[in-house]
Amino acid sequence: MRAAAVWLYHGSMHGALRFFLTVVLAALLIIVVYLVVSWFVDGYFGGNIFPDDAEPSTWSAPDSWSEWRDIAVVGLGILAALAGVLACILLAVLIGTALAVRRAVNKNVVPLLDSTRDLVDEVRGTAEFVGESAVTPIIRVYSIVSGIRRGLDSLASLGGRFGGKS
């Protein structure tokens, strides 16, 4: 029912209908707050906000500090129990999250790392192949051309010495 109210409120409604729903929900909230406040004021402080005729078995406010202490102990006990339940729920959620993360890592990240490792090995092999089949012949040709150039330079310098040039 709550999902239907949320859909009605956030769905495709006209402004007037949305305003009407907001006013109704605000009125319900005000009534609930009034009832809770009247229950506290009437029960604890002897006020007459909530008529006694509507609830004939009302109880009066505590008369001594020991009664207030007992009320506080019961209230703190309820809060401690609630905190314990919430802590157990939080622990269960954390354990579920950790298991989901572990499952996701094992399912997605480990294969991704394996494929990345394979890719790196493939790139390394490709680089070695290119180095052996393309770069090494270019270096050999360049070294031969450089050697021929130096040889021709040496012959030219020798020809100049024997040709009468000093």
N, C-alpha and C. Protein backbone atom coordinates (compact mmCIF):
# COMPACT_ATOMS: atom_id res chain seq x y z
N MET A 1 0.81 -1.18 0.00
CA MET A 1 0.00 0.00 0.00
C MET A 1 0.86 1.26 0.00
N ARG A 2 1.99 1.16 0.71
CA ARG A 2 2.88 2.32 0.76
C ARG A 2 3.46 2.61 -0.62
N ALA A 3 3.80 1.54 -1.36
CA ALA A 3 4.34 1.74 -2.70
C ALA A 3 3.30 2.41 -3.59
N ALA A 4 2.03 2.07 -3.39
CA ALA A 4 0.98 2.70 -4.18
C ALA A 4 0.87 4.18 -3.84
N ALA A 5 1.00 4.50 -2.53
CA ALA A 5 0.95 5.92 -2.14
C ALA A 5 2.14 6.68 -2.70
N VAL A 6 3.31 6.05 -2.68
CA VAL A 6 4.49 6.71 -3.24
C VAL A 6 4.32 6.91 -4.74
N TRP A 7 3.75 5.92 -5.43
CA TRP A 7 3.53 6.07 -6.86
C TRP A 7 2.53 7.18 -7.14
N LEU A 8 1.46 7.19 -6.32
CA LEU A 8 0.46 8.23 -6.50
C LEU A 8 1.07 9.61 -6.29
N TYR A 9 1.95 9.70 -5.31
CA TYR A 9 2.52 11.00 -5.00
C TYR A 9 3.55 11.43 -6.05
N HIS A 10 4.39 10.48 -6.49
CA HIS A 10 5.47 10.83 -7.43
C HIS A 10 5.15 10.47 -8.88
N GLY A 11 4.03 9.80 -9.09
CA GLY A 11 3.68 9.41 -10.45
C GLY A 11 3.21 10.61 -11.25
N SER A 12 2.53 10.32 -12.32
CA SER A 12 2.06 11.40 -13.18
C SER A 12 0.72 11.92 -12.65
N MET A 13 0.80 12.84 -11.67
CA MET A 13 -0.40 13.44 -11.10
C MET A 13 -0.41 14.92 -11.43
N HIS A 14 -1.59 15.45 -11.39
CA HIS A 14 -1.72 16.88 -11.57
C HIS A 14 -1.39 17.57 -10.27
N GLY A 15 -1.11 18.86 -10.35
CA GLY A 15 -0.71 19.63 -9.18
C GLY A 15 -1.78 19.67 -8.10
N ALA A 16 -3.06 19.74 -8.47
CA ALA A 16 -4.13 19.83 -7.48
C ALA A 16 -4.25 18.53 -6.69
N LEU A 17 -4.14 17.40 -7.37
CA LEU A 17 -4.22 16.11 -6.69
C LEU A 17 -3.03 15.93 -5.76
N ARG A 18 -1.86 16.33 -6.20
CA ARG A 18 -0.67 16.24 -5.36
C ARG A 18 -0.82 17.12 -4.12
N PHE A 19 -1.37 18.32 -4.28
CA PHE A 19 -1.59 19.22 -3.15
C PHE A 19 -2.59 18.60 -2.17
N PHE A 20 -3.67 18.01 -2.68
CA PHE A 20 -4.68 17.39 -1.83
C PHE A 20 -4.07 16.24 -1.03
N LEU A 21 -3.29 15.40 -1.69
CA LEU A 21 -2.65 14.27 -1.01
C LEU A 21 -1.68 14.77 0.05
N THR A 22 -0.95 15.84 -0.22
CA THR A 22 -0.03 16.40 0.76
C THR A 22 -0.79 16.93 1.97
N VAL A 23 -1.92 17.59 1.76
CA VAL A 23 -2.72 18.12 2.87
C VAL A 23 -3.27 16.97 3.72
N VAL A 24 -3.75 15.92 3.10
CA VAL A 24 -4.30 14.78 3.84
C VAL A 24 -3.21 14.12 4.66
N LEU A 25 -2.05 13.88 4.08
CA LEU A 25 -0.95 13.27 4.82
C LEU A 25 -0.47 14.16 5.96
N ALA A 26 -0.43 15.45 5.77
CA ALA A 26 -0.04 16.37 6.84
C ALA A 26 -1.07 16.34 7.96
N ALA A 27 -2.37 16.29 7.64
CA ALA A 27 -3.42 16.22 8.66
C ALA A 27 -3.30 14.94 9.47
N LEU A 28 -3.03 13.81 8.80
CA LEU A 28 -2.84 12.55 9.52
C LEU A 28 -1.63 12.62 10.44
N LEU A 29 -0.56 13.24 9.99
CA LEU A 29 0.63 13.38 10.83
C LEU A 29 0.34 14.26 12.05
N ILE A 30 -0.41 15.33 11.86
CA ILE A 30 -0.75 16.21 12.98
C ILE A 30 -1.62 15.47 13.99
N ILE A 31 -2.56 14.66 13.54
CA ILE A 31 -3.43 13.90 14.44
C ILE A 31 -2.62 12.90 15.25
N VAL A 32 -1.69 12.19 14.59
CA VAL A 32 -0.86 11.22 15.30
C VAL A 32 0.01 11.92 16.34
N VAL A 33 0.61 13.03 15.99
CA VAL A 33 1.44 13.76 16.94
C VAL A 33 0.59 14.24 18.11
N TYR A 34 -0.62 14.74 17.84
CA TYR A 34 -1.52 15.20 18.91
C TYR A 34 -1.85 14.06 19.87
N LEU A 35 -2.15 12.88 19.34
CA LEU A 35 -2.49 11.74 20.19
C LEU A 35 -1.31 11.32 21.06
N VAL A 36 -0.11 11.29 20.50
CA VAL A 36 1.07 10.91 21.28
C VAL A 36 1.35 11.93 22.38
N VAL A 37 1.29 13.21 22.04
CA VAL A 37 1.54 14.26 23.04
C VAL A 37 0.47 14.23 24.12
N SER A 38 -0.80 14.05 23.74
CA SER A 38 -1.86 14.01 24.75
C SER A 38 -1.72 12.80 25.66
N TRP A 39 -1.26 11.69 25.12
CA TRP A 39 -1.05 10.50 25.94
C TRP A 39 0.02 10.77 27.00
N PHE A 40 1.13 11.41 26.60
CA PHE A 40 2.18 11.73 27.56
C PHE A 40 1.70 12.74 28.59
N VAL A 41 1.08 13.81 28.14
CA VAL A 41 0.66 14.87 29.07
C VAL A 41 -0.41 14.35 30.02
N ASP A 42 -1.36 13.60 29.52
CA ASP A 42 -2.43 13.10 30.36
C ASP A 42 -1.93 12.04 31.32
N GLY A 43 -1.06 11.16 30.85
CA GLY A 43 -0.59 10.06 31.69
C GLY A 43 0.45 10.47 32.71
N TYR A 44 1.40 11.27 32.30
CA TYR A 44 2.51 11.61 33.21
C TYR A 44 2.22 12.83 34.07
N PHE A 45 1.58 13.82 33.54
CA PHE A 45 1.45 15.09 34.24
C PHE A 45 0.03 15.41 34.69
N GLY A 46 -0.90 14.53 34.46
CA GLY A 46 -2.26 14.72 34.94
C GLY A 46 -3.03 15.77 34.15
N GLY A 47 -2.60 16.09 32.96
CA GLY A 47 -3.32 17.06 32.13
C GLY A 47 -4.60 16.47 31.61
N ASN A 48 -5.41 17.28 30.98
CA ASN A 48 -6.69 16.80 30.50
C ASN A 48 -6.84 17.06 29.00
N ILE A 49 -5.78 16.83 28.23
CA ILE A 49 -5.86 17.02 26.78
C ILE A 49 -6.66 15.89 26.16
N PHE A 50 -6.41 14.68 26.61
CA PHE A 50 -7.10 13.50 26.10
C PHE A 50 -8.18 13.16 27.11
N PRO A 51 -9.44 13.24 26.77
CA PRO A 51 -10.51 13.07 27.76
C PRO A 51 -10.47 11.71 28.44
N ASP A 52 -10.68 11.69 29.75
CA ASP A 52 -10.63 10.43 30.50
C ASP A 52 -11.79 9.52 30.15
N ASP A 53 -12.88 10.08 29.66
CA ASP A 53 -14.02 9.24 29.32
C ASP A 53 -13.71 8.35 28.12
N ALA A 54 -12.83 8.81 27.23
CA ALA A 54 -12.49 8.01 26.05
C ALA A 54 -11.62 6.82 26.43
N GLU A 55 -10.86 6.95 27.54
CA GLU A 55 -10.00 5.87 27.99
C GLU A 55 -10.13 5.78 29.51
N PRO A 56 -11.05 4.98 30.01
CA PRO A 56 -11.34 5.00 31.44
C PRO A 56 -10.25 4.42 32.32
N SER A 57 -9.39 3.58 31.81
CA SER A 57 -8.37 2.95 32.66
C SER A 57 -7.04 3.68 32.55
N THR A 58 -7.03 4.99 32.62
CA THR A 58 -5.78 5.74 32.54
C THR A 58 -5.03 5.61 33.84
N TRP A 59 -3.74 5.81 33.76
CA TRP A 59 -2.91 5.72 34.96
C TRP A 59 -2.33 7.09 35.24
N SER A 60 -1.95 7.31 36.46
CA SER A 60 -1.45 8.62 36.86
C SER A 60 0.07 8.65 36.78
N ALA A 61 0.60 9.85 36.87
CA ALA A 61 2.05 10.03 36.80
C ALA A 61 2.71 9.40 38.02
N PRO A 62 3.99 8.98 37.87
CA PRO A 62 4.70 8.40 39.02
C PRO A 62 4.80 9.41 40.17
N ASP A 63 4.68 8.89 41.41
CA ASP A 63 4.69 9.76 42.58
C ASP A 63 6.07 9.89 43.21
N SER A 64 6.95 8.92 43.00
CA SER A 64 8.25 8.97 43.69
C SER A 64 9.38 8.79 42.68
N TRP A 65 10.59 9.06 43.18
CA TRP A 65 11.78 8.92 42.33
C TRP A 65 12.03 7.47 41.97
N SER A 66 11.65 6.55 42.85
CA SER A 66 11.87 5.13 42.54
C SER A 66 11.01 4.70 41.36
N GLU A 67 9.79 5.25 41.26
CA GLU A 67 8.95 4.92 40.11
C GLU A 67 9.53 5.50 38.82
N TRP A 68 10.06 6.73 38.89
CA TRP A 68 10.72 7.33 37.73
C TRP A 68 11.95 6.51 37.34
N ARG A 69 12.71 6.04 38.37
CA ARG A 69 13.88 5.22 38.10
C ARG A 69 13.49 3.94 37.38
N ASP A 70 12.42 3.29 37.83
CA ASP A 70 11.95 2.05 37.20
C ASP A 70 11.54 2.28 35.75
N ILE A 71 10.87 3.41 35.52
CA ILE A 71 10.48 3.74 34.15
C ILE A 71 11.72 3.96 33.28
N ALA A 72 12.71 4.67 33.84
CA ALA A 72 13.95 4.91 33.08
C ALA A 72 14.69 3.60 32.81
N VAL A 73 14.72 2.69 33.79
CA VAL A 73 15.41 1.42 33.59
C VAL A 73 14.71 0.60 32.50
N VAL A 74 13.40 0.58 32.51
CA VAL A 74 12.66 -0.15 31.47
C VAL A 74 12.90 0.48 30.11
N GLY A 75 12.86 1.82 30.07
CA GLY A 75 13.11 2.50 28.79
C GLY A 75 14.50 2.23 28.26
N LEU A 76 15.51 2.29 29.14
CA LEU A 76 16.88 2.00 28.70
C LEU A 76 17.05 0.54 28.30
N GLY A 77 16.33 -0.36 28.96
CA GLY A 77 16.37 -1.77 28.57
C GLY A 77 15.81 -1.98 27.18
N ILE A 78 14.70 -1.29 26.90
CA ILE A 78 14.11 -1.39 25.56
C ILE A 78 15.07 -0.83 24.52
N LEU A 79 15.70 0.31 24.83
CA LEU A 79 16.67 0.89 23.89
C LEU A 79 17.88 -0.02 23.68
N ALA A 80 18.36 -0.66 24.77
CA ALA A 80 19.50 -1.57 24.64
C ALA A 80 19.14 -2.78 23.79
N ALA A 81 17.93 -3.31 23.99
CA ALA A 81 17.49 -4.44 23.17
C ALA A 81 17.38 -4.03 21.70
N LEU A 82 16.84 -2.85 21.46
CA LEU A 82 16.74 -2.34 20.10
C LEU A 82 18.13 -2.16 19.48
N ALA A 83 19.06 -1.63 20.27
CA ALA A 83 20.43 -1.46 19.76
C ALA A 83 21.07 -2.82 19.45
N GLY A 84 20.81 -3.81 20.28
CA GLY A 84 21.34 -5.15 20.01
C GLY A 84 20.79 -5.75 18.73
N VAL A 85 19.49 -5.58 18.53
CA VAL A 85 18.87 -6.09 17.30
C VAL A 85 19.45 -5.36 16.08
N LEU A 86 19.58 -4.04 16.19
CA LEU A 86 20.14 -3.28 15.07
C LEU A 86 21.60 -3.67 14.81
N ALA A 87 22.36 -3.94 15.88
CA ALA A 87 23.75 -4.37 15.70
C ALA A 87 23.81 -5.72 14.99
N CYS A 88 22.92 -6.63 15.35
CA CYS A 88 22.89 -7.93 14.67
C CYS A 88 22.51 -7.77 13.19
N ILE A 89 21.56 -6.91 12.93
CA ILE A 89 21.17 -6.66 11.53
C ILE A 89 22.33 -6.05 10.76
N LEU A 90 23.02 -5.09 11.38
CA LEU A 90 24.17 -4.46 10.73
C LEU A 90 25.27 -5.47 10.47
N LEU A 91 25.52 -6.37 11.42
CA LEU A 91 26.54 -7.40 11.23
C LEU A 91 26.16 -8.32 10.07
N ALA A 92 24.88 -8.70 10.01
CA ALA A 92 24.44 -9.56 8.91
C ALA A 92 24.59 -8.86 7.57
N VAL A 93 24.27 -7.57 7.53
CA VAL A 93 24.41 -6.81 6.27
C VAL A 93 25.88 -6.71 5.88
N LEU A 94 26.76 -6.45 6.85
CA LEU A 94 28.19 -6.35 6.55
C LEU A 94 28.74 -7.68 6.04
N ILE A 95 28.33 -8.78 6.67
CA ILE A 95 28.80 -10.09 6.21
C ILE A 95 28.29 -10.36 4.79
N GLY A 96 27.02 -10.04 4.54
CA GLY A 96 26.47 -10.23 3.19
C GLY A 96 27.19 -9.38 2.16
N THR A 97 27.53 -8.15 2.54
CA THR A 97 28.25 -7.26 1.62
C THR A 97 29.65 -7.81 1.34
N ALA A 98 30.32 -8.28 2.39
CA ALA A 98 31.66 -8.84 2.20
C ALA A 98 31.63 -10.07 1.29
N LEU A 99 30.63 -10.92 1.48
CA LEU A 99 30.51 -12.10 0.61
C LEU A 99 30.19 -11.71 -0.83
N ALA A 100 29.35 -10.69 -1.00
CA ALA A 100 29.03 -10.24 -2.35
C ALA A 100 30.25 -9.64 -3.04
N VAL A 101 31.04 -8.88 -2.29
CA VAL A 101 32.26 -8.29 -2.86
C VAL A 101 33.24 -9.39 -3.22
N ARG A 102 33.38 -10.38 -2.33
CA ARG A 102 34.31 -11.49 -2.61
C ARG A 102 33.87 -12.25 -3.87
N ARG A 103 32.56 -12.50 -3.97
CA ARG A 103 32.04 -13.21 -5.14
C ARG A 103 32.26 -12.39 -6.42
N ALA A 104 32.05 -11.09 -6.33
CA ALA A 104 32.25 -10.23 -7.50
C ALA A 104 33.72 -10.19 -7.91
N VAL A 105 34.61 -10.15 -6.92
CA VAL A 105 36.05 -10.15 -7.23
C VAL A 105 36.44 -11.46 -7.89
N ASN A 106 35.98 -12.56 -7.33
CA ASN A 106 36.34 -13.86 -7.91
C ASN A 106 35.73 -14.05 -9.29
N LYS A 107 34.54 -13.48 -9.50
CA LYS A 107 33.86 -13.67 -10.77
C LYS A 107 34.35 -12.71 -11.85
N ASN A 108 34.69 -11.47 -11.48
CA ASN A 108 35.01 -10.46 -12.48
C ASN A 108 36.48 -10.04 -12.49
N VAL A 109 37.05 -9.79 -11.34
CA VAL A 109 38.38 -9.20 -11.29
C VAL A 109 39.46 -10.23 -11.60
N VAL A 110 39.34 -11.44 -11.06
CA VAL A 110 40.38 -12.46 -11.30
C VAL A 110 40.47 -12.80 -12.79
N PRO A 111 39.36 -13.06 -13.50
CA PRO A 111 39.48 -13.28 -14.95
C PRO A 111 40.04 -12.06 -15.69
N LEU A 112 39.68 -10.87 -15.21
CA LEU A 112 40.21 -9.66 -15.84
C LEU A 112 41.72 -9.58 -15.67
N LEU A 113 42.22 -9.92 -14.48
CA LEU A 113 43.67 -9.92 -14.26
C LEU A 113 44.35 -10.99 -15.11
N ASP A 114 43.72 -12.16 -15.22
CA ASP A 114 44.30 -13.22 -16.06
C ASP A 114 44.36 -12.78 -17.53
N SER A 115 43.29 -12.17 -18.01
CA SER A 115 43.31 -11.72 -19.41
C SER A 115 44.30 -10.58 -19.61
N THR A 116 44.46 -9.73 -18.59
CA THR A 116 45.46 -8.66 -18.69
C THR A 116 46.87 -9.25 -18.72
N ARG A 117 47.11 -10.27 -17.91
CA ARG A 117 48.42 -10.93 -17.91
C ARG A 117 48.69 -11.56 -19.28
N ASP A 118 47.68 -12.22 -19.84
CA ASP A 118 47.83 -12.80 -21.18
C ASP A 118 48.10 -11.72 -22.22
N LEU A 119 47.41 -10.59 -22.11
CA LEU A 119 47.62 -9.48 -23.04
C LEU A 119 49.04 -8.94 -22.94
N VAL A 120 49.54 -8.80 -21.70
CA VAL A 120 50.91 -8.30 -21.53
C VAL A 120 51.91 -9.28 -22.13
N ASP A 121 51.70 -10.58 -21.93
CA ASP A 121 52.59 -11.58 -22.54
C ASP A 121 52.52 -11.50 -24.06
N GLU A 122 51.34 -11.29 -24.59
CA GLU A 122 51.18 -11.19 -26.04
C GLU A 122 51.88 -9.94 -26.58
N VAL A 123 51.76 -8.83 -25.88
CA VAL A 123 52.43 -7.60 -26.30
C VAL A 123 53.94 -7.78 -26.24
N ARG A 124 54.41 -8.44 -25.18
CA ARG A 124 55.84 -8.68 -25.06
C ARG A 124 56.34 -9.54 -26.22
N GLY A 125 55.57 -10.59 -26.56
CA GLY A 125 55.95 -11.45 -27.70
C GLY A 125 55.93 -10.67 -29.00
N THR A 126 54.93 -9.81 -29.18
CA THR A 126 54.86 -9.00 -30.39
C THR A 126 56.04 -8.05 -30.48
N ALA A 127 56.42 -7.46 -29.36
CA ALA A 127 57.57 -6.54 -29.36
C ALA A 127 58.85 -7.29 -29.71
N GLU A 128 59.00 -8.48 -29.17
CA GLU A 128 60.19 -9.27 -29.51
C GLU A 128 60.19 -9.64 -30.99
N PHE A 129 59.03 -10.03 -31.52
CA PHE A 129 58.94 -10.40 -32.93
C PHE A 129 59.27 -9.20 -33.82
N VAL A 130 58.68 -8.03 -33.48
CA VAL A 130 58.96 -6.84 -34.28
C VAL A 130 60.43 -6.49 -34.17
N GLY A 131 61.00 -6.64 -32.98
CA GLY A 131 62.43 -6.35 -32.80
C GLY A 131 63.30 -7.26 -33.64
N GLU A 132 62.95 -8.52 -33.72
CA GLU A 132 63.75 -9.47 -34.48
C GLU A 132 63.51 -9.36 -35.98
N SER A 133 62.29 -9.14 -36.40
CA SER A 133 62.00 -9.20 -37.83
C SER A 133 62.03 -7.84 -38.53
N ALA A 134 61.87 -6.75 -37.81
CA ALA A 134 61.84 -5.45 -38.48
C ALA A 134 63.00 -4.57 -38.05
N VAL A 135 63.24 -4.46 -36.78
CA VAL A 135 64.24 -3.52 -36.29
C VAL A 135 65.65 -4.04 -36.55
N THR A 136 65.88 -5.32 -36.30
CA THR A 136 67.23 -5.87 -36.50
C THR A 136 67.70 -5.72 -37.95
N PRO A 137 66.91 -6.03 -38.98
CA PRO A 137 67.38 -5.81 -40.35
C PRO A 137 67.64 -4.33 -40.66
N ILE A 138 66.80 -3.44 -40.10
CA ILE A 138 67.02 -2.01 -40.33
C ILE A 138 68.34 -1.58 -39.72
N ILE A 139 68.62 -2.09 -38.52
CA ILE A 139 69.90 -1.75 -37.87
C ILE A 139 71.06 -2.31 -38.68
N ARG A 140 70.93 -3.51 -39.19
CA ARG A 140 72.01 -4.08 -40.01
C ARG A 140 72.23 -3.24 -41.26
N VAL A 141 71.15 -2.87 -41.95
CA VAL A 141 71.28 -2.07 -43.17
C VAL A 141 71.91 -0.72 -42.81
N TYR A 142 71.47 -0.10 -41.75
CA TYR A 142 72.02 1.19 -41.34
C TYR A 142 73.51 1.06 -41.00
N SER A 143 73.88 -0.02 -40.32
CA SER A 143 75.30 -0.18 -39.99
C SER A 143 76.14 -0.43 -41.25
N ILE A 144 75.58 -1.15 -42.22
CA ILE A 144 76.32 -1.39 -43.47
C ILE A 144 76.48 -0.06 -44.21
N VAL A 145 75.40 0.72 -44.32
CA VAL A 145 75.46 2.01 -45.00
C VAL A 145 76.44 2.92 -44.28
N SER A 146 76.41 2.92 -42.97
CA SER A 146 77.34 3.76 -42.21
C SER A 146 78.78 3.30 -42.42
N GLY A 147 78.99 1.99 -42.47
CA GLY A 147 80.35 1.48 -42.73
C GLY A 147 80.84 1.84 -44.12
N ILE A 148 79.96 1.73 -45.10
CA ILE A 148 80.34 2.10 -46.47
C ILE A 148 80.67 3.59 -46.52
N ARG A 149 79.86 4.44 -45.86
CA ARG A 149 80.10 5.87 -45.86
C ARG A 149 81.46 6.17 -45.21
N ARG A 150 81.74 5.54 -44.11
CA ARG A 150 83.03 5.78 -43.46
C ARG A 150 84.18 5.29 -44.35
N GLY A 151 83.94 4.16 -44.97
CA GLY A 151 84.98 3.65 -45.87
C GLY A 151 85.24 4.61 -47.02
N LEU A 152 84.16 5.15 -47.63
CA LEU A 152 84.32 6.11 -48.71
C LEU A 152 84.98 7.40 -48.21
N ASP A 153 84.62 7.83 -47.00
CA ASP A 153 85.28 9.02 -46.43
C ASP A 153 86.76 8.75 -46.22
N SER A 154 87.07 7.55 -45.77
CA SER A 154 88.49 7.21 -45.57
C SER A 154 89.23 7.17 -46.91
N LEU A 155 88.60 6.60 -47.93
CA LEU A 155 89.25 6.55 -49.24
C LEU A 155 89.40 7.97 -49.82
N ALA A 156 88.42 8.79 -49.58
CA ALA A 156 88.51 10.16 -50.09
C ALA A 156 89.64 10.90 -49.38
N SER A 157 89.80 10.68 -48.11
CA SER A 157 90.88 11.36 -47.41
C SER A 157 92.23 10.79 -47.83
N LEU A 158 92.31 9.52 -48.16
CA LEU A 158 93.55 8.94 -48.65
C LEU A 158 93.89 9.44 -50.06
N GLY A 159 92.86 9.56 -50.86
CA GLY A 159 93.08 10.08 -52.22
C GLY A 159 93.58 11.51 -52.20
N GLY A 160 93.19 12.28 -51.27
CA GLY A 160 93.65 13.63 -51.14
C GLY A 160 95.11 13.69 -50.69
N ARG A 161 95.55 12.74 -49.92
CA ARG A 161 96.94 12.71 -49.45
C ARG A 161 97.88 12.29 -50.58
N PHE A 162 97.42 11.34 -51.38
CA PHE A 162 98.29 10.90 -52.45
C PHE A 162 98.20 11.78 -53.68
N GLY A 163 97.17 12.55 -53.79
CA GLY A 163 96.97 13.38 -54.97
C GLY A 163 97.73 14.70 -54.85
N GLY A 164 98.54 14.89 -53.85
CA GLY A 164 99.30 16.10 -53.72
C GLY A 164 98.70 17.09 -52.75
N LYS A 165 97.59 16.80 -52.25
CA LYS A 165 96.99 17.71 -51.26
C LYS A 165 97.43 17.26 -49.88
N SER A 166 97.70 18.21 -49.07
CA SER A 166 98.15 17.82 -47.74
C SER A 166 97.16 18.11 -46.70
